[in-house]
Every structure is written in structure tokens, then in C-alpha cells.
């Protein structure tokens, strides 16, 4: 059984529908035929800027960071019959950054947050956008998942990658 924990920091509680975010993460896992535990944290720009600097050596906040529990070179995974869930990792969203980004791009805030959750979960599953081919593959999956959630998949076209 998959567990998706949503941690919304105090200043942003009441502004976010945690259940929609949980459903988005669960749908991404289901459509990728994956199971595992995920933690999704909505926090401030400062916290994300600190993580961005410490782990990616990039200055300033960003909208979403993903921290997979396993790296690409760690190939040992317990089989499903072992009875232990796989911890996939953490998705960290800078709520103020996402809010500004949604406003700037003309997106609904809740749809923007769903996009960021789906994007982050796909990173936990090994997708990336470091090459045009990898980006095309990731965007195709992202769009299919968004569409299945009732979110206009065109929202991802405005998404800026670094």
C-alpha cells in the first residue's frame, strides 16, 4: 500500500487542498504502475532556496525540488512480495514561488500545484528533462497524468526548466 504524506507549513494551510495533491501523486504512481511512499512538503521560498543551494548548488528558490530516496546507480529494490514499501522520496514545493508563477502564467493556483506534484513525482520515478529526448518523454507522461486528473495538459507547456 502506498502512503502519500502531505505536510503544508502553517502559513499556507487553508490555501491548499491537500486531498487534491494526494490524488495527483497517487494518480501519477498508478499511471506509471509504481507503488511507494512519498512525502510532499509545501513550504516557503527561503526553505526551498536553502535546499536548492545546499543540494543543487543553485541560488534562490525554485518552484519544486525532488529528492529521490534512491539514485540512478542504486539498483537494488526489494520485490513486492517482500512486504516492505519502497520509500520513493520527497517533493518540496515553494508555495509563494508557485503562487507567483501561477499568477504570472495565468494558471489556476490549484492546477499549478497539481502540475508541480506530478512533475516532482515523475522525477522521483527517474524521469528528467536534461536532454530534449528525456524532456519529450517526461512531458508526454506528465501531460497524460494531468489530463487524467482533469487538468488542461497545456499548462505544462509554460513550465520552465533549468
Protein backbone atom coordinates (compact mmCIF):
# COMPACT_ATOMS: atom_id res chain seq x y z
CA UNK A 1 0.00 0.00 0.00
CA UNK A 2 1.28 3.44 -0.94
CA UNK A 3 1.40 6.22 1.62
CA UNK A 4 1.44 9.83 0.48
CA UNK A 5 2.08 12.25 3.30
CA UNK A 6 1.25 15.92 2.72
CA UNK A 7 2.92 18.47 5.00
CA UNK A 8 1.66 22.01 4.49
CA UNK A 9 3.59 24.55 6.51
CA UNK A 10 1.46 26.74 8.81
CA UNK A 11 1.32 29.95 6.73
CA UNK A 12 -0.10 28.05 3.74
CA UNK A 13 -2.67 25.84 5.46
CA UNK A 14 -6.16 26.65 4.33
CA UNK A 15 -4.85 27.83 0.96
CA UNK A 16 -4.20 24.34 -0.39
CA UNK A 17 -6.43 21.34 -0.97
CA UNK A 18 -4.20 18.58 0.42
CA UNK A 19 -6.51 15.84 -0.82
CA UNK A 20 -6.23 17.03 -4.44
CA UNK A 21 -2.44 16.95 -4.13
CA UNK A 22 -2.58 13.45 -2.65
CA UNK A 23 -4.83 12.27 -5.51
CA UNK A 24 -2.44 13.81 -8.06
CA UNK A 25 0.54 11.95 -6.60
CA UNK A 26 -1.45 8.71 -6.36
CA UNK A 27 -2.61 9.05 -9.97
CA UNK A 28 0.95 9.66 -11.17
CA UNK A 29 2.08 6.50 -9.39
CA UNK A 30 -0.88 4.48 -10.68
CA UNK A 31 -0.41 5.52 -14.31
CA UNK A 32 3.29 4.68 -14.03
CA UNK A 33 2.40 1.32 -12.42
CA UNK A 34 4.51 2.17 -9.38
CA UNK A 35 3.99 1.93 -5.64
CA UNK A 36 5.86 3.52 -2.81
CA UNK A 37 5.77 6.12 -0.11
CA UNK A 38 6.14 9.82 -0.84
CA UNK A 39 6.30 12.94 1.31
CA UNK A 40 5.10 16.20 -0.25
CA UNK A 41 6.00 19.39 1.59
CA UNK A 42 4.66 22.87 0.83
CA UNK A 43 6.93 25.43 2.39
CA UNK A 44 8.34 28.92 1.90
CA UNK A 45 10.75 30.33 -0.64
CA UNK A 46 13.56 30.67 1.91
CA UNK A 47 13.47 26.99 2.84
CA UNK A 48 13.50 25.92 -0.81
CA UNK A 49 16.28 28.40 -1.62
CA UNK A 50 18.36 26.84 1.17
CA UNK A 51 17.76 23.31 -0.15
CA UNK A 52 18.44 24.45 -3.71
CA UNK A 53 21.79 25.91 -2.63
CA UNK A 54 22.83 23.03 -0.38
CA UNK A 55 21.92 20.16 -2.68
CA UNK A 56 22.00 21.57 -6.21
CA UNK A 57 24.42 24.47 -5.77
CA UNK A 58 21.85 26.85 -7.29
CA UNK A 59 20.97 30.22 -5.82
CA UNK A 60 17.46 31.26 -4.96
CA UNK A 61 14.16 29.48 -4.70
CA UNK A 62 12.52 27.40 -7.39
CA UNK A 63 9.01 26.03 -7.68
CA UNK A 64 9.64 22.34 -6.97
CA UNK A 65 12.51 20.14 -5.86
CA UNK A 66 12.52 16.35 -5.81
CA UNK A 67 14.76 14.27 -3.62
CA UNK A 68 14.61 10.61 -4.68
CA UNK A 69 15.35 8.08 -1.97
CA UNK A 70 17.47 6.10 -4.44
CA UNK A 71 19.87 7.40 -7.02
CA UNK A 72 20.06 6.03 -10.55
CA UNK A 73 23.07 3.90 -9.69
CA UNK A 74 21.30 2.20 -6.75
CA UNK A 75 19.61 -0.70 -8.45
CA UNK A 76 18.72 -2.97 -5.53
CA UNK A 77 14.98 -2.90 -4.88
CA UNK A 78 13.05 -5.35 -2.75
CA UNK A 79 10.46 -7.37 -4.66
CA UNK A 80 6.80 -6.54 -3.87
CA UNK A 81 6.32 -9.83 -2.05
CA UNK A 82 8.96 -8.78 0.49
CA UNK A 83 6.19 -6.89 2.29
CA UNK A 84 8.03 -3.60 2.63
CA UNK A 85 7.00 -0.47 0.80
CA UNK A 86 9.59 1.40 -1.15
CA UNK A 87 10.27 4.92 0.04
CA UNK A 88 10.42 6.91 -3.19
CA UNK A 89 11.42 10.28 -1.74
CA UNK A 90 10.32 13.84 -1.10
CA UNK A 91 8.73 16.51 -3.27
CA UNK A 92 9.27 20.03 -1.90
CA UNK A 93 7.18 22.89 -3.30
CA UNK A 94 7.83 26.57 -2.57
CA UNK A 95 4.24 27.76 -2.18
CA UNK A 96 4.90 31.51 -2.61
CA UNK A 97 7.02 30.85 -5.71
CA UNK A 98 4.33 28.57 -7.17
CA UNK A 99 1.67 31.16 -6.37
CA UNK A 100 3.61 33.92 -8.18
CA UNK A 101 4.35 31.60 -11.09
CA UNK A 102 0.68 30.65 -11.47
CA UNK A 103 -0.32 34.31 -11.44
CA UNK A 104 2.39 35.28 -13.94
CA UNK A 105 1.45 32.49 -16.35
CA UNK A 106 -2.31 32.87 -15.92
CA UNK A 107 -2.76 29.42 -14.38
CA UNK A 108 -5.19 28.38 -11.69
CA UNK A 109 -3.13 28.02 -8.48
CA UNK A 110 -4.53 24.58 -7.69
CA UNK A 111 -3.78 23.33 -11.20
CA UNK A 112 -0.24 24.74 -10.88
CA UNK A 113 0.25 22.84 -7.62
CA UNK A 114 -1.04 19.64 -9.21
CA UNK A 115 1.41 20.12 -12.10
CA UNK A 116 4.26 20.58 -9.63
CA UNK A 117 3.28 17.46 -7.67
CA UNK A 118 3.07 15.36 -10.86
CA UNK A 119 6.37 16.80 -12.10
CA UNK A 120 8.03 16.08 -8.77
CA UNK A 121 6.70 12.52 -8.59
CA UNK A 122 7.94 11.79 -12.10
CA UNK A 123 11.40 12.94 -11.01
CA UNK A 124 11.19 10.52 -8.06
CA UNK A 125 10.44 7.77 -10.57
CA UNK A 126 13.57 8.55 -12.58
CA UNK A 127 12.30 10.91 -15.26
CA UNK A 128 14.31 14.01 -16.09
CA UNK A 129 14.49 16.79 -18.65
CA UNK A 130 18.23 17.09 -19.16
CA UNK A 131 18.06 16.30 -22.88
CA UNK A 132 15.39 17.09 -25.50
CA UNK A 133 14.55 13.39 -25.77
CA UNK A 134 14.23 12.93 -22.00
CA UNK A 135 12.14 16.09 -21.74
CA UNK A 136 9.80 14.91 -24.52
CA UNK A 137 9.34 11.58 -22.72
CA UNK A 138 8.72 13.23 -19.35
CA UNK A 139 6.35 15.85 -20.77
CA UNK A 140 4.31 13.17 -22.55
CA UNK A 141 3.83 11.28 -19.28
CA UNK A 142 3.17 14.49 -17.38
CA UNK A 143 0.52 15.56 -19.89
CA UNK A 144 -1.21 12.16 -19.79
CA UNK A 145 -1.37 12.26 -15.99
CA UNK A 146 -2.63 15.87 -15.93
CA UNK A 147 -5.32 15.01 -18.47
CA UNK A 148 -6.43 12.03 -16.38
CA UNK A 149 -6.80 14.42 -13.42
CA UNK A 150 -8.94 16.86 -15.39
CA UNK A 151 -6.19 19.47 -15.62
CA UNK A 152 -5.56 21.03 -19.03
CA UNK A 153 -2.28 19.41 -20.11
CA UNK A 154 -1.34 22.62 -21.96
CA UNK A 155 -0.44 24.09 -18.57
CA UNK A 156 2.83 22.14 -18.76
CA UNK A 157 3.86 23.91 -21.96
CA UNK A 158 4.53 27.09 -19.99
CA UNK A 159 6.66 25.22 -17.50
CA UNK A 160 10.23 26.50 -17.46
CA UNK A 161 13.05 24.00 -16.96
CA UNK A 162 16.58 24.73 -15.92
